[in-house]
C-alpha atoms as a PDB file:
ATOM      1  CA  MET A   1      36.072 -22.738 -36.751  1.00  0.00           C
ATOM      2  CA  ILE A   2      34.181 -19.241 -37.731  1.00  0.00           C
ATOM      3  CA  LYS A   3      31.153 -21.162 -39.310  1.00  0.00           C
ATOM      4  CA  PHE A   4      30.839 -23.400 -35.773  1.00  0.00           C
ATOM      5  CA  LEU A   5      30.901 -20.433 -33.780  1.00  0.00           C
ATOM      6  CA  LEU A   6      28.206 -18.217 -36.056  1.00  0.00           C
ATOM      7  CA  ILE A   7      25.998 -21.328 -36.173  1.00  0.00           C
ATOM      8  CA  ILE A   8      26.461 -21.688 -32.140  1.00  0.00           C
ATOM      9  CA  LEU A   9      25.588 -18.018 -31.919  1.00  0.00           C
ATOM     10  CA  GLY A  10      22.744 -18.139 -34.188  1.00  0.00           C
ATOM     11  CA  VAL A  11      21.418 -21.114 -32.293  1.00  0.00           C
ATOM     12  CA  GLY A  12      21.468 -19.739 -29.097  1.00  0.00           C
ATOM     13  CA  TRP A  13      20.005 -16.254 -29.970  1.00  0.00           C
ATOM     14  CA  LEU A  14      17.004 -18.124 -31.591  1.00  0.00           C
ATOM     15  CA  LEU A  15      16.463 -20.583 -28.579  1.00  0.00           C
ATOM     16  CA  GLY A  16      16.759 -17.165 -26.604  1.00  0.00           C
ATOM     17  CA  GLN A  17      14.032 -15.484 -28.341  1.00  0.00           C
ATOM     18  CA  LEU A  18      11.744 -18.712 -28.267  1.00  0.00           C
ATOM     19  CA  VAL A  19      12.211 -18.696 -24.594  1.00  0.00           C
ATOM     20  CA  ARG A  20      11.542 -15.205 -24.181  1.00  0.00           C
ATOM     21  CA  TYR A  21       8.181 -15.484 -26.313  1.00  0.00           C
ATOM     22  CA  PHE A  22       6.934 -18.540 -24.416  1.00  0.00           C
ATOM     23  CA  LEU A  23       7.843 -16.864 -20.991  1.00  0.00           C
ATOM     24  CA  ARG A  24       5.872 -13.707 -21.803  1.00  0.00           C
ATOM     25  CA  SER A  25       2.913 -15.813 -22.899  1.00  0.00           C
ATOM     26  CA  LYS A  26       2.920 -17.733 -20.056  1.00  0.00           C
ATOM     27  CA  LEU A  27       3.290 -14.852 -17.511  1.00  0.00           C
ATOM     28  CA  ALA A  28       0.377 -13.135 -19.543  1.00  0.00           C
ATOM     29  CA  ARG A  29      -1.606 -16.109 -18.837  1.00  0.00           C
ATOM     30  CA  PHE A  30      -0.765 -16.351 -15.380  1.00  0.00           C
ATOM     31  CA  ALA A  31      -1.540 -12.563 -14.602  1.00  0.00           C
ATOM     32  CA  GLN A  32      -5.021 -13.105 -16.165  1.00  0.00           C
ATOM     33  CA  GLN A  33      -5.815 -15.894 -14.057  1.00  0.00           C
ATOM     34  CA  VAL A  34      -4.742 -13.888 -10.975  1.00  0.00           C
ATOM     35  CA  ASN A  35      -6.833 -10.793 -11.985  1.00  0.00           C
ATOM     36  CA  ARG A  36      -9.775 -12.999 -12.745  1.00  0.00           C
ATOM     37  CA  ALA A  37      -9.577 -14.778  -9.340  1.00  0.00           C
ATOM     38  CA  THR A  38      -9.184 -11.476  -7.379  1.00  0.00           C
ATOM     39  CA  LYS A  39     -12.293  -9.963  -9.275  1.00  0.00           C
ATOM     40  CA  GLU A  40     -14.494 -12.986  -8.110  1.00  0.00           C
ATOM     41  CA  GLN A  41     -12.943 -12.624  -4.757  1.00  0.00           C
ATOM     42  CA  GLU A  42     -13.910  -9.077  -4.573  1.00  0.00           C
ATOM     43  CA  GLN A  43     -17.575  -9.517  -6.002  1.00  0.00           C
ATOM     44  CA  ALA A  44     -18.078 -12.530  -3.112  1.00  0.00           C
ATOM     45  CA  GLN A  45     -16.994  -9.838  -0.555  1.00  0.00           C
ATOM     46  CA  ARG A  46     -19.296  -7.296  -1.827  1.00  0.00           C
ATOM     47  CA  ARG A  47     -21.998  -9.772  -1.931  1.00  0.00           C
ATOM     48  CA  ALA A  48     -21.526 -11.122   1.647  1.00  0.00           C
ATOM     49  CA  ASN A  49     -21.041  -7.334   3.015  1.00  0.00           C
ATOM     50  CA  ASP A  50     -24.208  -5.966   1.281  1.00  0.00           C
ATOM     51  CA  ASP A  51     -26.456  -6.261   4.421  1.00  0.00           C
ATOM     52  CA  GLY A  52     -24.338  -3.587   6.235  1.00  0.00           C
ATOM     53  CA  ASP A  53     -23.604  -5.460   9.421  1.00  0.00           C
ATOM     54  CA  ILE A  54     -19.941  -5.756  10.710  1.00  0.00           C
ATOM     55  CA  HIS A  55     -18.798  -9.459  11.293  1.00  0.00           C
ATOM     56  CA  VAL A  56     -15.889 -10.462  13.633  1.00  0.00           C
ATOM     57  CA  ASP A  57     -14.628 -13.952  12.847  1.00  0.00           C
ATOM     58  CA  TYR A  58     -12.107 -14.151  15.432  1.00  0.00           C
ATOM     59  CA  VAL A  59     -11.133 -12.591  18.852  1.00  0.00           C
ATOM     60  CA  PRO A  60      -8.422 -14.058  20.597  1.00  0.00           C
ATOM     61  CA  LYS A  61      -8.920 -15.156  24.206  1.00  0.00           C
ATOM     62  CA  SER A  62      -5.839 -13.256  25.475  1.00  0.00           C
ATOM     63  CA  TYR A  63      -7.490  -9.978  24.280  1.00  0.00           C
ATOM     64  CA  ASP A  64     -10.058  -9.965  26.842  1.00  0.00           C
ATOM     65  CA  GLU A  65      -7.546 -10.914  29.618  1.00  0.00           C
ATOM     66  CA  ARG A  66      -5.376  -8.360  28.694  1.00  0.00           C
ATOM     67  CA  ARG A  67      -8.020  -5.642  28.457  1.00  0.00           C
ATOM     68  CA  SER A  68      -9.648  -6.459  31.751  1.00  0.00           C
ATOM     69  CA  LYS A  69      -5.855  -6.244  33.426  1.00  0.00           C
ATOM     70  CA  ASP A  70      -5.037  -3.117  31.739  1.00  0.00           C
ATOM     71  CA  ILE A  71      -8.040  -0.863  32.583  1.00  0.00           C
ATOM     72  CA  LYS A  72      -9.110  -1.429  36.408  1.00  0.00           C
ATOM     73  CA  GLY A  73     -10.655   2.191  36.710  1.00  0.00           C
ATOM     74  CA  GLY A  74      -9.125   5.379  36.958  1.00  0.00           C
ATOM     75  CA  GLU A  75      -7.942   8.366  39.271  1.00  0.00           C
ATOM     76  CA  TYR A  76     -10.014  11.573  39.551  1.00  0.00           C
ATOM     77  CA  VAL A  77      -7.957  14.566  38.189  1.00  0.00           C
ATOM     78  CA  ASP A  78      -8.901  18.216  39.517  1.00  0.00           C
ATOM     79  CA  TYR A  79      -8.812  20.790  37.130  1.00  0.00           C
ATOM     80  CA  GLU A  80      -9.759  24.270  36.658  1.00  0.00           C
ATOM     81  CA  GLU A  81     -11.111  25.890  33.702  1.00  0.00           C
ATOM     82  CA  VAL A  82      -9.442  28.655  32.467  1.00  0.00           C
ATOM     83  CA  LYS A  83     -11.193  31.724  30.901  1.00  0.00           C
ATOM     84  CA  ASP A  84      -9.891  33.382  28.023  1.00  0.00           C
END
């Protein structure tokens, strides 16, 4: 009975070590792919923005409507200059 438990514990420990090793290697490979993709994307954005212009891809239609409703003018506020 003790031999059986020791064998089961040994096999479980060995399987745990193997799973840990493979997960680390897969995660490291995945992290490298993500880093590579991020670098490529940043380089593409730098190349696209080298001309120094600002490009707006999308302006919602509701933005103009909301802005025109909010600002219709102002009222004059009289003030006095105070000399120190």
